[in-house]
Amino acid sequence: MLNYKCISYVTVFLEFPDIEPTLKGLGLAPSQSASGSKYTVPAIQHTPTNTYIMDSAAIAPFLESTYPDPAVPLTSELGNEIEAKARAVVGTAFRTSVMPREIGILSPRAQDYFRRTREAALGHRLEDLLGLGKEDSVWDAVDGDIRAVGELMRSRRAEGPFVLGARPSGTDFFIAGSIQAARVVDEGVFQRIIKYPGFEEVYEACQPYMERKV
């Protein structure tokens, strides 16, 4: 969204153990995320107003109201349906395939934190998610539902490559961002999801906005 709106920014990367103390130190109030974490990324500092905001759901409306051109529709009936169903079914597959592999791209210090917190939430070892046949079983169970989400994403393909047609929406950035996050962790998971109709089209349409240009 920052790239699409050509908003200048600087990225600061944080290790997992540093997220909470850093954001707390900036005065951000805790929230309750889906993962159970009180402090999460992304978070932004809007330097012109010295405003700090955490969580994409809060950041996107702020950016849209502060930088309205070009406009990004953040909600729509179709987009809301796609996001809800994608979180339920693609989220299930990604949780199984991405989470246990994510630890492999982290620093030793972050690995310790990630394993401790995720395994406490899961109640078992991360590696158990990839146990014999378990990963494929999860994907098989949601296969039809993922295909249905993909078809919803293609509802307006006659008007353009994005969910709502010719221009990107918040839903496109949510889908493409989720796919890219999975790709950073494991190319195999990326290849698995883009085989479903609809997913690759949205991902490719958002490619121009994934590389920083400002």
C-alpha atoms as a PDB file:
ATOM      1  CA  MET A   1       0.000   0.000   0.000  1.00  0.00           C
ATOM      2  CA  LEU A   2       2.913   2.340   0.743  1.00  0.00           C
ATOM      3  CA  ASN A   3       4.445   1.620  -2.647  1.00  0.00           C
ATOM      4  CA  TYR A   4       1.132   1.921  -4.484  1.00  0.00           C
ATOM      5  CA  LYS A   5       0.555   5.342  -2.951  1.00  0.00           C
ATOM      6  CA  CYS A   6       4.233   6.326  -3.460  1.00  0.00           C
ATOM      7  CA  ILE A   7       4.678   7.171   0.229  1.00  0.00           C
ATOM      8  CA  SER A   8       8.314   7.561   1.276  1.00  0.00           C
ATOM      9  CA  TYR A   9       9.313   5.301   4.161  1.00  0.00           C
ATOM     10  CA  VAL A  10      12.190   3.686   6.000  1.00  0.00           C
ATOM     11  CA  THR A  11      11.952   0.051   7.087  1.00  0.00           C
ATOM     12  CA  VAL A  12      13.269  -1.025  10.481  1.00  0.00           C
ATOM     13  CA  PHE A  13      13.460  -4.782  10.982  1.00  0.00           C
ATOM     14  CA  LEU A  14      12.954  -6.207  14.468  1.00  0.00           C
ATOM     15  CA  GLU A  15      13.827  -9.620  15.865  1.00  0.00           C
ATOM     16  CA  PHE A  16      10.859 -11.417  17.451  1.00  0.00           C
ATOM     17  CA  PRO A  17      12.082 -10.892  21.047  1.00  0.00           C
ATOM     18  CA  ASP A  18      12.494  -7.160  20.396  1.00  0.00           C
ATOM     19  CA  ILE A  19       8.998  -6.417  19.057  1.00  0.00           C
ATOM     20  CA  GLU A  20       7.202  -6.003  22.379  1.00  0.00           C
ATOM     21  CA  PRO A  21       9.865  -3.956  24.231  1.00  0.00           C
ATOM     22  CA  THR A  22      10.439  -1.718  21.207  1.00  0.00           C
ATOM     23  CA  LEU A  23       6.777  -0.952  20.557  1.00  0.00           C
ATOM     24  CA  LYS A  24       5.994  -0.652  24.252  1.00  0.00           C
ATOM     25  CA  GLY A  25       8.879   1.797  24.564  1.00  0.00           C
ATOM     26  CA  LEU A  26       7.314   3.923  21.821  1.00  0.00           C
ATOM     27  CA  GLY A  27       4.136   4.213  23.855  1.00  0.00           C
ATOM     28  CA  LEU A  28       1.921   1.926  21.795  1.00  0.00           C
ATOM     29  CA  ALA A  29      -0.950   0.334  23.693  1.00  0.00           C
ATOM     30  CA  PRO A  30      -1.135  -3.474  23.685  1.00  0.00           C
ATOM     31  CA  SER A  31      -3.772  -5.273  21.661  1.00  0.00           C
ATOM     32  CA  GLN A  32      -4.853  -8.882  21.296  1.00  0.00           C
ATOM     33  CA  SER A  33      -3.808 -10.436  17.991  1.00  0.00           C
ATOM     34  CA  ALA A  34      -4.866 -13.762  16.557  1.00  0.00           C
ATOM     35  CA  SER A  35      -1.530 -15.205  17.700  1.00  0.00           C
ATOM     36  CA  GLY A  36      -2.104 -13.999  21.246  1.00  0.00           C
ATOM     37  CA  SER A  37       0.695 -11.438  21.067  1.00  0.00           C
ATOM     38  CA  LYS A  38       0.074  -8.063  22.676  1.00  0.00           C
ATOM     39  CA  TYR A  39       2.497  -6.295  20.321  1.00  0.00           C
ATOM     40  CA  THR A  40       2.780  -7.133  16.633  1.00  0.00           C
ATOM     41  CA  VAL A  41       4.255  -5.915  13.370  1.00  0.00           C
ATOM     42  CA  PRO A  42       3.745  -4.166  11.078  1.00  0.00           C
ATOM     43  CA  ALA A  43       3.739  -0.950  13.053  1.00  0.00           C
ATOM     44  CA  ILE A  44       4.394   2.534  11.716  1.00  0.00           C
ATOM     45  CA  GLN A  45       5.573   5.902  12.899  1.00  0.00           C
ATOM     46  CA  HIS A  46       4.016   8.679  10.825  1.00  0.00           C
ATOM     47  CA  THR A  47       6.720  11.281  11.274  1.00  0.00           C
ATOM     48  CA  PRO A  48       4.758  14.359  10.080  1.00  0.00           C
ATOM     49  CA  THR A  49       2.288  13.875  12.936  1.00  0.00           C
ATOM     50  CA  ASN A  50       4.495  11.752  15.234  1.00  0.00           C
ATOM     51  CA  THR A  51       1.733   9.140  15.241  1.00  0.00           C
ATOM     52  CA  TYR A  52       2.447   5.495  16.067  1.00  0.00           C
ATOM     53  CA  ILE A  53       0.053   2.810  14.837  1.00  0.00           C
ATOM     54  CA  MET A  54       0.222  -0.979  15.147  1.00  0.00           C
ATOM     55  CA  ASP A  55      -1.560  -3.668  13.110  1.00  0.00           C
ATOM     56  CA  SER A  56      -2.482  -3.577   9.429  1.00  0.00           C
ATOM     57  CA  ALA A  57      -6.186  -3.246  10.240  1.00  0.00           C
ATOM     58  CA  ALA A  58      -5.488   0.102  11.907  1.00  0.00           C
ATOM     59  CA  ILE A  59      -2.653   1.239   9.645  1.00  0.00           C
ATOM     60  CA  ALA A  60      -4.541   0.885   6.351  1.00  0.00           C
ATOM     61  CA  PRO A  61      -7.437   3.253   7.227  1.00  0.00           C
ATOM     62  CA  PHE A  62      -4.948   5.812   8.541  1.00  0.00           C
ATOM     63  CA  LEU A  63      -2.956   5.710   5.307  1.00  0.00           C
ATOM     64  CA  GLU A  64      -6.103   5.882   3.189  1.00  0.00           C
ATOM     65  CA  SER A  65      -7.422   8.946   5.019  1.00  0.00           C
ATOM     66  CA  THR A  66      -4.026  10.674   5.128  1.00  0.00           C
ATOM     67  CA  TYR A  67      -3.016   9.827   1.548  1.00  0.00           C
ATOM     68  CA  PRO A  68      -6.300   9.406  -0.366  1.00  0.00           C
ATOM     69  CA  ASP A  69      -4.806   9.464  -3.865  1.00  0.00           C
ATOM     70  CA  PRO A  70      -4.667   6.954  -5.450  1.00  0.00           C
ATOM     71  CA  ALA A  71      -7.603   5.500  -3.606  1.00  0.00           C
ATOM     72  CA  VAL A  72      -7.510   1.948  -2.247  1.00  0.00           C
ATOM     73  CA  PRO A  73     -10.926   0.463  -1.430  1.00  0.00           C
ATOM     74  CA  LEU A  74     -10.328  -1.170   1.950  1.00  0.00           C
ATOM     75  CA  THR A  75     -13.652  -2.951   2.280  1.00  0.00           C
ATOM     76  CA  SER A  76     -16.231  -4.391  -0.085  1.00  0.00           C
ATOM     77  CA  GLU A  77     -18.795  -7.132   0.175  1.00  0.00           C
ATOM     78  CA  LEU A  78     -16.765  -9.348  -2.157  1.00  0.00           C
ATOM     79  CA  GLY A  79     -13.467  -8.469  -0.508  1.00  0.00           C
ATOM     80  CA  ASN A  80     -14.794  -9.119   2.983  1.00  0.00           C
ATOM     81  CA  GLU A  81     -16.055 -12.537   1.932  1.00  0.00           C
ATOM     82  CA  ILE A  82     -12.739 -13.429   0.314  1.00  0.00           C
ATOM     83  CA  GLU A  83     -10.684 -12.312   3.295  1.00  0.00           C
ATOM     84  CA  ALA A  84     -12.823 -14.157   5.824  1.00  0.00           C
ATOM     85  CA  LYS A  85     -12.767 -17.393   3.843  1.00  0.00           C
ATOM     86  CA  ALA A  86      -9.059 -17.075   3.011  1.00  0.00           C
ATOM     87  CA  ARG A  87      -8.167 -16.589   6.674  1.00  0.00           C
ATOM     88  CA  ALA A  88     -10.138 -19.713   7.537  1.00  0.00           C
ATOM     89  CA  VAL A  89      -8.914 -22.102   4.853  1.00  0.00           C
ATOM     90  CA  VAL A  90      -5.645 -20.762   3.462  1.00  0.00           C
ATOM     91  CA  GLY A  91      -4.735 -19.732   6.996  1.00  0.00           C
ATOM     92  CA  THR A  92      -5.165 -23.338   8.105  1.00  0.00           C
ATOM     93  CA  ALA A  93      -2.868 -24.614   5.354  1.00  0.00           C
ATOM     94  CA  PHE A  94      -0.271 -21.889   5.913  1.00  0.00           C
ATOM     95  CA  ARG A  95      -0.270 -22.421   9.664  1.00  0.00           C
ATOM     96  CA  THR A  96       0.619 -26.070   9.062  1.00  0.00           C
ATOM     97  CA  SER A  97       3.174 -25.497   6.295  1.00  0.00           C
ATOM     98  CA  VAL A  98       4.721 -22.120   7.078  1.00  0.00           C
ATOM     99  CA  MET A  99       4.970 -21.964  10.870  1.00  0.00           C
ATOM    100  CA  PRO A 100       7.268 -24.979  11.371  1.00  0.00           C
ATOM    101  CA  ARG A 101       9.510 -23.837   8.517  1.00  0.00           C
ATOM    102  CA  GLU A 102       9.663 -20.192   9.569  1.00  0.00           C
ATOM    103  CA  ILE A 103      12.030 -21.022  12.381  1.00  0.00           C
ATOM    104  CA  GLY A 104      14.618 -21.996   9.765  1.00  0.00           C
ATOM    105  CA  ILE A 105      15.027 -18.419   8.496  1.00  0.00           C
ATOM    106  CA  LEU A 106      15.397 -16.817  11.935  1.00  0.00           C
ATOM    107  CA  SER A 107      18.478 -15.932  13.960  1.00  0.00           C
ATOM    108  CA  PRO A 108      19.334 -18.283  16.862  1.00  0.00           C
ATOM    109  CA  ARG A 109      17.991 -15.760  19.379  1.00  0.00           C
ATOM    110  CA  ALA A 110      14.729 -15.353  17.472  1.00  0.00           C
ATOM    111  CA  GLN A 111      14.489 -19.112  16.978  1.00  0.00           C
ATOM    112  CA  ASP A 112      14.475 -19.671  20.741  1.00  0.00           C
ATOM    113  CA  TYR A 113      11.698 -17.112  21.215  1.00  0.00           C
ATOM    114  CA  PHE A 114       9.665 -18.389  18.263  1.00  0.00           C
ATOM    115  CA  ARG A 115       9.853 -22.025  19.336  1.00  0.00           C
ATOM    116  CA  ARG A 116       9.005 -21.267  22.969  1.00  0.00           C
ATOM    117  CA  THR A 117       5.988 -19.075  22.227  1.00  0.00           C
ATOM    118  CA  ARG A 118       4.554 -21.063  19.304  1.00  0.00           C
ATOM    119  CA  GLU A 119       4.952 -24.437  20.923  1.00  0.00           C
ATOM    120  CA  ALA A 120       3.314 -23.140  24.104  1.00  0.00           C
ATOM    121  CA  ALA A 121       0.323 -22.051  22.011  1.00  0.00           C
ATOM    122  CA  LEU A 122       0.234 -25.277  19.988  1.00  0.00           C
ATOM    123  CA  GLY A 123       0.808 -27.648  22.872  1.00  0.00           C
ATOM    124  CA  HIS A 124       3.336 -29.644  20.856  1.00  0.00           C
ATOM    125  CA  ARG A 125       6.570 -29.314  18.887  1.00  0.00           C
ATOM    126  CA  LEU A 126       6.581 -27.291  15.671  1.00  0.00           C
ATOM    127  CA  GLU A 127       7.948 -30.288  13.798  1.00  0.00           C
ATOM    128  CA  ASP A 128       4.826 -32.272  14.678  1.00  0.00           C
ATOM    129  CA  LEU A 129       2.893 -30.140  12.194  1.00  0.00           C
ATOM    130  CA  LEU A 130       4.929 -31.754   9.438  1.00  0.00           C
ATOM    131  CA  GLY A 131       4.606 -35.282  10.768  1.00  0.00           C
ATOM    132  CA  LEU A 132       4.144 -38.213   8.413  1.00  0.00           C
ATOM    133  CA  GLY A 133       1.279 -37.340   6.079  1.00  0.00           C
ATOM    134  CA  LYS A 134      -0.082 -34.562   8.315  1.00  0.00           C
ATOM    135  CA  GLU A 135       0.781 -31.650   6.038  1.00  0.00           C
ATOM    136  CA  ASP A 136      -0.763 -33.227   2.951  1.00  0.00           C
ATOM    137  CA  SER A 137      -3.841 -34.220   4.949  1.00  0.00           C
ATOM    138  CA  VAL A 138      -4.431 -30.613   5.976  1.00  0.00           C
ATOM    139  CA  TRP A 139      -4.087 -29.341   2.409  1.00  0.00           C
ATOM    140  CA  ASP A 140      -6.334 -32.118   1.105  1.00  0.00           C
ATOM    141  CA  ALA A 141      -8.997 -31.223   3.665  1.00  0.00           C
ATOM    142  CA  VAL A 142      -9.181 -27.599   2.550  1.00  0.00           C
ATOM    143  CA  ASP A 143      -8.488 -28.137  -1.163  1.00  0.00           C
ATOM    144  CA  GLY A 144     -12.047 -27.546  -2.321  1.00  0.00           C
ATOM    145  CA  ASP A 145     -12.464 -24.519  -0.087  1.00  0.00           C
ATOM    146  CA  ILE A 146      -9.247 -22.929  -1.365  1.00  0.00           C
ATOM    147  CA  ARG A 147     -10.444 -23.452  -4.925  1.00  0.00           C
ATOM    148  CA  ALA A 148     -13.719 -21.767  -4.023  1.00  0.00           C
ATOM    149  CA  VAL A 149     -11.856 -18.751  -2.619  1.00  0.00           C
ATOM    150  CA  GLY A 150      -9.813 -18.589  -5.817  1.00  0.00           C
ATOM    151  CA  GLU A 151     -12.951 -18.538  -7.908  1.00  0.00           C
ATOM    152  CA  LEU A 152     -14.330 -15.684  -5.801  1.00  0.00           C
ATOM    153  CA  MET A 153     -11.094 -13.789  -6.481  1.00  0.00           C
ATOM    154  CA  ARG A 154     -11.718 -14.237 -10.208  1.00  0.00           C
ATOM    155  CA  SER A 155     -15.323 -12.970 -10.056  1.00  0.00           C
ATOM    156  CA  ARG A 156     -14.458  -9.756 -11.903  1.00  0.00           C
ATOM    157  CA  ARG A 157     -11.585 -10.999 -14.037  1.00  0.00           C
ATOM    158  CA  ALA A 158     -13.331  -9.646 -17.145  1.00  0.00           C
ATOM    159  CA  GLU A 159     -12.805  -6.134 -15.720  1.00  0.00           C
ATOM    160  CA  GLY A 160      -9.160  -6.578 -14.698  1.00  0.00           C
ATOM    161  CA  PRO A 161      -6.686  -8.745 -12.765  1.00  0.00           C
ATOM    162  CA  PHE A 162      -7.623  -7.534  -9.279  1.00  0.00           C
ATOM    163  CA  VAL A 163     -10.388  -8.683  -6.966  1.00  0.00           C
ATOM    164  CA  LEU A 164     -12.549  -5.648  -7.793  1.00  0.00           C
ATOM    165  CA  GLY A 165     -11.416  -5.365 -11.399  1.00  0.00           C
ATOM    166  CA  ALA A 166      -8.963  -2.853 -12.816  1.00  0.00           C
ATOM    167  CA  ARG A 167      -7.523  -1.361  -9.610  1.00  0.00           C
ATOM    168  CA  PRO A 168      -6.097  -2.962  -6.465  1.00  0.00           C
ATOM    169  CA  SER A 169      -7.978  -3.045  -3.199  1.00  0.00           C
ATOM    170  CA  GLY A 170      -7.029  -3.824   0.361  1.00  0.00           C
ATOM    171  CA  THR A 171      -8.052  -7.413  -0.298  1.00  0.00           C
ATOM    172  CA  ASP A 172      -5.512  -7.742  -3.122  1.00  0.00           C
ATOM    173  CA  PHE A 173      -2.740  -6.459  -0.878  1.00  0.00           C
ATOM    174  CA  PHE A 174      -3.835  -8.835   1.892  1.00  0.00           C
ATOM    175  CA  ILE A 175      -3.768 -11.838  -0.470  1.00  0.00           C
ATOM    176  CA  ALA A 176      -0.528 -10.911  -2.215  1.00  0.00           C
ATOM    177  CA  GLY A 177       1.176 -10.025   1.068  1.00  0.00           C
ATOM    178  CA  SER A 178       0.206 -13.346   2.626  1.00  0.00           C
ATOM    179  CA  ILE A 179       1.501 -15.256  -0.388  1.00  0.00           C
ATOM    180  CA  GLN A 180       4.761 -13.286  -0.400  1.00  0.00           C
ATOM    181  CA  ALA A 181       5.254 -13.901   3.323  1.00  0.00           C
ATOM    182  CA  ALA A 182       4.890 -17.630   2.690  1.00  0.00           C
ATOM    183  CA  ARG A 183       7.325 -17.421  -0.217  1.00  0.00           C
ATOM    184  CA  VAL A 184       9.983 -15.793   1.968  1.00  0.00           C
ATOM    185  CA  VAL A 185       9.761 -18.787   4.273  1.00  0.00           C
ATOM    186  CA  ASP A 186       9.501 -21.596   1.725  1.00  0.00           C
ATOM    187  CA  GLU A 187       9.328 -21.617  -2.070  1.00  0.00           C
ATOM    188  CA  GLY A 188       7.529 -24.955  -2.023  1.00  0.00           C
ATOM    189  CA  VAL A 189       4.590 -23.547  -0.070  1.00  0.00           C
ATOM    190  CA  PHE A 190       4.464 -20.606  -2.481  1.00  0.00           C
ATOM    191  CA  GLN A 191       4.339 -22.936  -5.482  1.00  0.00           C
ATOM    192  CA  ARG A 192       1.618 -24.958  -3.815  1.00  0.00           C
ATOM    193  CA  ILE A 193      -0.750 -22.034  -3.275  1.00  0.00           C
ATOM    194  CA  ILE A 194      -0.300 -20.330  -6.641  1.00  0.00           C
ATOM    195  CA  LYS A 195      -1.378 -23.501  -8.428  1.00  0.00           C
ATOM    196  CA  TYR A 196      -4.904 -22.637  -7.374  1.00  0.00           C
ATOM    197  CA  PRO A 197      -6.721 -20.442  -9.937  1.00  0.00           C
ATOM    198  CA  GLY A 198      -7.035 -16.853  -8.782  1.00  0.00           C
ATOM    199  CA  PHE A 199      -4.114 -16.726  -6.397  1.00  0.00           C
ATOM    200  CA  GLU A 200      -1.320 -16.362  -8.944  1.00  0.00           C
ATOM    201  CA  GLU A 201      -3.290 -13.736 -10.895  1.00  0.00           C
ATOM    202  CA  VAL A 202      -3.665 -11.467  -7.879  1.00  0.00           C
ATOM    203  CA  TYR A 203      -0.072 -12.071  -6.776  1.00  0.00           C
ATOM    204  CA  GLU A 204       1.318 -11.194 -10.203  1.00  0.00           C
ATOM    205  CA  ALA A 205      -0.943  -8.138 -10.526  1.00  0.00           C
ATOM    206  CA  CYS A 206       0.446  -6.815  -7.222  1.00  0.00           C
ATOM    207  CA  GLN A 207       4.095  -7.445  -8.169  1.00  0.00           C
ATOM    208  CA  PRO A 208       4.731  -3.812  -9.264  1.00  0.00           C
ATOM    209  CA  TYR A 209       3.898  -2.686  -5.720  1.00  0.00           C
ATOM    210  CA  MET A 210       6.033  -5.224  -3.873  1.00  0.00           C
ATOM    211  CA  GLU A 211       9.375  -3.627  -4.644  1.00  0.00           C
ATOM    212  CA  ARG A 212      10.206  -0.322  -3.079  1.00  0.00           C
ATOM    213  CA  LYS A 213      10.289   2.501  -5.604  1.00  0.00           C
ATOM    214  CA  VAL A 214      10.516   5.573  -3.343  1.00  0.00           C
END
